N, C-alpha and C. Protein backbone atom coordinates (compact mmCIF):
# COMPACT_ATOMS: atom_id res chain seq x y z
N MET A 1 173.21 135.60 11.98
CA MET A 1 172.20 134.90 13.10
C MET A 1 172.54 134.40 14.31
N GLN A 2 173.97 133.57 13.99
CA GLN A 2 174.54 132.82 15.24
C GLN A 2 174.80 133.63 16.35
N ILE A 3 175.39 134.94 15.94
CA ILE A 3 175.62 135.79 16.92
C ILE A 3 174.34 136.68 17.74
N LEU A 4 173.31 136.56 16.96
CA LEU A 4 172.07 136.87 17.84
C LEU A 4 171.58 135.64 18.81
N SER A 5 171.69 134.38 18.56
CA SER A 5 171.25 133.18 19.19
C SER A 5 172.59 133.23 20.27
N GLN A 6 173.66 133.55 20.17
CA GLN A 6 174.56 133.66 21.20
C GLN A 6 174.39 134.59 22.38
N VAL A 7 174.19 135.82 21.78
CA VAL A 7 173.88 136.94 23.03
C VAL A 7 172.33 136.46 23.31
N GLY A 8 171.39 136.15 22.73
CA GLY A 8 170.16 135.70 23.16
C GLY A 8 170.32 134.68 24.54
N GLY A 9 171.10 133.45 24.57
CA GLY A 9 171.77 132.76 25.28
C GLY A 9 172.43 133.44 26.74
N SER A 10 173.43 134.14 26.32
CA SER A 10 173.75 134.89 27.31
C SER A 10 172.89 135.96 28.14
N VAL A 11 171.96 136.44 27.57
CA VAL A 11 171.07 137.32 28.22
C VAL A 11 170.21 136.16 29.13
N THR A 12 169.63 135.15 28.36
CA THR A 12 168.78 134.34 28.96
C THR A 12 169.45 133.57 30.13
N ASN A 13 170.77 133.26 30.21
CA ASN A 13 171.33 132.95 31.30
C ASN A 13 171.60 133.69 32.48
N SER A 14 172.04 135.18 32.15
CA SER A 14 172.18 136.22 33.01
C SER A 14 170.77 136.44 33.75
N LEU A 15 169.70 136.45 33.27
CA LEU A 15 168.68 136.95 33.66
C LEU A 15 167.96 135.58 34.54
N ALA A 16 168.32 134.49 33.98
CA ALA A 16 168.04 133.40 35.17
C ALA A 16 168.89 133.26 36.32
N TYR A 17 169.88 133.86 36.24
CA TYR A 17 170.73 133.89 37.21
C TYR A 17 170.28 134.98 38.18
N VAL A 18 169.88 136.22 37.81
CA VAL A 18 169.66 137.07 38.97
C VAL A 18 168.03 136.92 39.14
N GLY A 19 167.14 136.02 38.58
CA GLY A 19 166.02 135.18 39.23
C GLY A 19 166.20 134.48 40.14
N ALA A 20 167.25 133.77 40.17
CA ALA A 20 167.69 132.83 41.12
C ALA A 20 168.29 133.60 42.32
N LEU A 21 169.02 134.48 42.15
CA LEU A 21 169.45 135.44 43.60
C LEU A 21 168.05 136.10 43.96
N ALA A 22 167.26 136.65 43.11
CA ALA A 22 166.17 137.19 43.80
C ALA A 22 165.43 136.20 44.67
N SER A 23 165.14 135.30 44.25
CA SER A 23 164.35 133.89 44.78
C SER A 23 165.05 133.67 46.49
N LEU A 24 166.50 133.50 46.29
CA LEU A 24 167.18 133.22 47.38
C LEU A 24 166.77 134.32 48.35
N GLY A 25 167.26 135.53 48.05
CA GLY A 25 166.91 136.65 48.78
C GLY A 25 165.42 136.74 49.44
N GLY A 26 164.59 136.47 48.44
CA GLY A 26 163.14 136.53 48.84
C GLY A 26 163.03 135.22 50.30
N ARG A 27 163.69 133.77 49.83
CA ARG A 27 163.42 133.13 50.64
C ARG A 27 164.05 133.50 52.24
N ALA A 28 165.29 133.93 52.09
CA ALA A 28 166.02 134.31 53.22
C ALA A 28 165.20 135.29 54.06
N ARG A 29 164.68 136.46 53.44
CA ARG A 29 163.74 137.33 53.80
C ARG A 29 162.17 136.66 54.60
N VAL A 30 161.92 135.72 54.02
CA VAL A 30 160.62 135.10 54.67
C VAL A 30 160.86 134.10 55.97
N LEU A 31 162.17 133.54 55.91
CA LEU A 31 162.68 132.72 56.75
C LEU A 31 163.10 133.75 58.05
N HIS A 32 163.58 135.16 57.71
CA HIS A 32 163.98 135.82 58.94
C HIS A 32 162.49 136.26 59.43
N PHE A 33 161.84 136.70 58.69
CA PHE A 33 160.13 137.29 59.25
C PHE A 33 159.71 135.87 59.99
N CYS A 34 159.75 134.79 59.44
CA CYS A 34 158.98 133.98 60.29
C CYS A 34 159.73 133.42 61.72
N ARG A 35 160.79 133.51 61.89
CA ARG A 35 161.80 133.57 63.16
C ARG A 35 161.10 134.85 63.92
N SER A 36 161.14 135.83 63.35
CA SER A 36 160.76 136.85 64.12
C SER A 36 159.38 136.83 64.94
N LEU A 37 158.52 136.22 64.20
CA LEU A 37 157.09 136.26 64.70
C LEU A 37 157.09 135.04 65.50
N SER A 38 157.91 133.89 65.50
CA SER A 38 157.91 132.80 66.64
C SER A 38 158.39 133.06 68.00
N GLY A 39 158.95 134.50 67.99
CA GLY A 39 159.22 134.86 69.59
C GLY A 39 160.54 134.57 69.94
N LYS A 40 161.39 133.70 68.93
CA LYS A 40 162.66 133.17 69.57
C LYS A 40 163.86 134.50 69.16
N ALA A 41 163.91 135.40 69.99
CA ALA A 41 164.78 136.37 69.90
C ALA A 41 165.95 136.29 70.57
N TYR A 42 167.27 136.53 70.05
CA TYR A 42 168.61 136.29 70.48
C TYR A 42 168.95 137.63 70.69
N SER A 43 169.64 137.58 72.10
CA SER A 43 170.46 138.97 72.39
C SER A 43 171.64 139.34 71.96
N LEU A 44 171.87 140.32 71.77
CA LEU A 44 173.19 140.71 70.77
C LEU A 44 174.58 140.14 71.70
N PRO A 45 174.86 140.15 72.77
CA PRO A 45 175.64 139.24 73.42
C PRO A 45 175.96 137.92 73.30
N ALA A 46 174.64 137.32 73.13
CA ALA A 46 174.59 136.21 72.93
C ALA A 46 175.03 135.80 71.44
N ARG A 47 174.65 136.30 70.81
CA ARG A 47 175.12 136.22 69.41
C ARG A 47 176.63 136.50 69.14
N ARG A 48 177.26 137.32 69.66
CA ARG A 48 178.50 137.68 69.70
C ARG A 48 179.36 136.58 70.25
N LEU A 49 178.64 135.76 71.46
CA LEU A 49 179.69 134.67 72.08
C LEU A 49 179.36 133.55 71.01
N ALA A 50 178.50 133.53 70.47
CA ALA A 50 178.03 132.27 69.39
C ALA A 50 179.06 132.50 68.42
N GLY A 51 179.13 133.58 67.98
CA GLY A 51 179.89 133.91 66.70
C GLY A 51 181.60 133.72 67.03
N ALA A 52 181.91 134.09 68.15
CA ALA A 52 183.19 133.87 68.70
C ALA A 52 183.63 132.42 68.91
N ARG A 53 182.71 131.35 69.06
CA ARG A 53 183.04 130.23 69.43
C ARG A 53 182.86 129.57 68.03
N ARG A 54 181.84 129.91 67.06
CA ARG A 54 182.12 129.50 65.79
C ARG A 54 183.51 129.66 65.04
N TRP A 55 184.11 131.04 65.18
CA TRP A 55 185.13 131.68 64.67
C TRP A 55 186.52 130.64 65.18
N CYS A 56 186.44 130.25 66.46
CA CYS A 56 187.62 129.62 67.28
C CYS A 56 187.68 128.45 66.74
N THR A 57 186.31 127.65 66.50
CA THR A 57 186.50 126.31 65.89
C THR A 57 187.26 126.37 64.31
N ARG A 58 187.19 127.25 63.66
CA ARG A 58 187.32 127.35 62.42
C ARG A 58 188.94 127.88 62.00
N ILE A 59 189.41 128.29 63.25
CA ILE A 59 190.77 128.75 63.13
C ILE A 59 191.79 127.64 62.22
N PRO A 60 191.73 126.64 62.84
CA PRO A 60 192.76 125.90 62.50
C PRO A 60 192.60 125.17 61.14
N ILE A 61 191.54 125.08 60.44
CA ILE A 61 191.14 124.50 59.31
C ILE A 61 191.39 125.72 58.22
N LEU A 62 190.84 126.87 58.42
CA LEU A 62 191.50 128.30 57.96
C LEU A 62 192.93 128.22 57.79
N SER A 63 193.80 127.88 58.67
CA SER A 63 195.10 128.13 58.64
C SER A 63 195.90 127.10 57.67
N LEU A 64 195.12 126.07 57.96
CA LEU A 64 195.90 124.57 57.02
C LEU A 64 195.50 124.82 55.50
N ILE A 65 194.24 125.29 55.37
CA ILE A 65 194.11 125.90 54.07
C ILE A 65 194.75 126.79 53.32
N THR A 66 195.12 128.02 54.31
CA THR A 66 195.73 129.12 53.87
C THR A 66 197.34 128.87 53.88
N PHE A 67 197.64 127.76 54.41
CA PHE A 67 199.16 127.15 54.45
C PHE A 67 199.36 126.67 52.89
N PHE A 68 198.44 125.67 52.66
CA PHE A 68 198.42 124.95 51.37
C PHE A 68 198.22 126.00 50.08
N ILE A 69 197.32 126.81 50.38
CA ILE A 69 197.33 127.68 48.75
C ILE A 69 198.75 128.37 48.93
N GLY A 70 199.27 129.04 49.72
CA GLY A 70 200.61 129.70 49.72
C GLY A 70 201.39 128.77 49.40
N LEU A 71 201.51 127.46 49.83
CA LEU A 71 202.65 126.62 49.13
C LEU A 71 202.44 126.37 47.70
N ILE A 72 201.23 126.05 47.32
CA ILE A 72 201.00 125.98 45.84
C ILE A 72 201.36 127.05 45.07
N LEU A 73 201.04 128.11 45.63
CA LEU A 73 201.20 129.76 44.85
C LEU A 73 202.96 129.64 44.76
N ALA A 74 203.40 129.34 45.84
CA ALA A 74 205.06 129.38 46.03
C ALA A 74 205.77 128.30 44.75
N LEU A 75 204.96 127.12 44.50
CA LEU A 75 205.55 126.34 43.84
C LEU A 75 205.57 126.76 42.30
N GLN A 76 204.13 127.37 41.95
CA GLN A 76 203.98 127.77 40.56
C GLN A 76 204.82 129.12 40.34
N ALA A 77 204.80 129.94 41.63
CA ALA A 77 205.67 131.21 41.01
C ALA A 77 207.22 130.85 41.03
N ALA A 78 207.33 129.84 41.61
CA ALA A 78 209.10 129.35 41.58
C ALA A 78 209.38 129.01 40.39
N TYR A 79 208.51 128.06 39.97
CA TYR A 79 208.74 127.60 38.54
C TYR A 79 208.55 128.39 37.35
N GLU A 80 207.65 129.70 37.50
CA GLU A 80 207.71 130.46 36.33
C GLU A 80 208.78 131.56 36.57
N LEU A 81 209.15 131.92 37.80
CA LEU A 81 210.42 132.77 37.96
C LEU A 81 211.61 132.24 37.62
N ARG A 82 211.68 130.87 37.60
CA ARG A 82 213.10 130.41 37.35
C ARG A 82 213.44 130.64 36.12
N ARG A 83 212.52 130.92 35.04
CA ARG A 83 212.80 130.89 33.71
C ARG A 83 213.54 132.35 33.57
N PHE A 84 213.25 133.18 34.38
CA PHE A 84 213.88 134.62 34.11
C PHE A 84 215.15 134.52 35.31
N VAL A 85 215.33 133.72 36.02
CA VAL A 85 216.38 133.84 37.19
C VAL A 85 216.03 135.21 38.08
N LEU A 86 214.72 134.62 38.33
CA LEU A 86 214.24 135.72 39.48
C LEU A 86 213.69 134.70 40.75
N SER A 87 214.23 133.84 41.00
CA SER A 87 213.50 132.79 42.08
C SER A 87 213.77 133.61 43.46
N VAL A 88 214.74 134.53 43.73
CA VAL A 88 214.83 135.31 44.91
C VAL A 88 213.37 135.79 45.27
N TYR A 89 212.70 136.16 44.51
CA TYR A 89 211.70 137.16 44.52
C TYR A 89 210.42 136.19 44.97
N VAL A 90 210.60 134.92 45.04
CA VAL A 90 209.32 133.87 45.46
C VAL A 90 208.66 134.30 46.57
N ALA A 91 209.22 134.37 47.67
CA ALA A 91 208.96 134.80 48.85
C ALA A 91 207.99 136.17 48.78
N THR A 92 208.49 137.21 48.27
CA THR A 92 207.95 138.60 48.05
C THR A 92 206.55 138.31 47.33
N ALA A 93 206.97 137.78 45.94
CA ALA A 93 205.57 137.50 45.31
C ALA A 93 204.37 136.95 46.13
N VAL A 94 204.69 135.73 46.80
CA VAL A 94 203.71 135.25 47.34
C VAL A 94 203.24 135.81 48.76
N ALA A 95 204.20 136.46 49.70
CA ALA A 95 203.34 137.30 50.54
C ALA A 95 202.47 138.63 49.80
N ILE A 96 202.71 139.36 48.70
CA ILE A 96 202.10 140.14 48.05
C ILE A 96 200.86 139.64 47.80
N SER A 97 200.91 138.73 47.02
CA SER A 97 199.75 138.21 46.30
C SER A 97 198.69 137.54 47.68
N MET A 98 199.18 137.00 48.58
CA MET A 98 198.22 136.17 49.70
C MET A 98 197.78 137.29 50.25
N SER A 99 198.11 138.51 50.72
CA SER A 99 197.70 139.71 51.46
C SER A 99 196.81 140.40 50.47
N ARG A 100 197.32 140.72 49.36
CA ARG A 100 196.00 141.30 48.35
C ARG A 100 194.82 140.60 47.92
N GLU A 101 194.96 139.27 48.00
CA GLU A 101 193.84 138.43 47.28
C GLU A 101 193.05 137.62 48.37
N LEU A 102 193.59 137.05 49.26
CA LEU A 102 193.31 136.45 50.59
C LEU A 102 192.91 137.23 51.72
N GLY A 103 193.77 138.62 51.91
CA GLY A 103 193.46 139.50 52.93
C GLY A 103 192.14 139.82 53.30
N PRO A 104 191.57 140.51 52.38
CA PRO A 104 190.15 140.90 52.49
C PRO A 104 189.28 139.93 52.58
């Protein structure tokens, strides 16, 4: 009986999560619909310019975050690889893991 209650709890939590996602999607759709009715249409070049401005202001903080993630990853990899006398591969491991995990 305990297994059934665990499965039931897991299913209930999963359905609650899906319901919350559906609610969020519905609210976003309604917001988009209301904005389209208000007549405040934005042209595509204006959107691109605004996106470029936002991206340029975020580059320094993204670079700083990426640097610290790489630093932490290098420290942890060096600690583990030192046990196997493979600490020369730390830079390669960090480069591969950063490009695979954070690249996309």
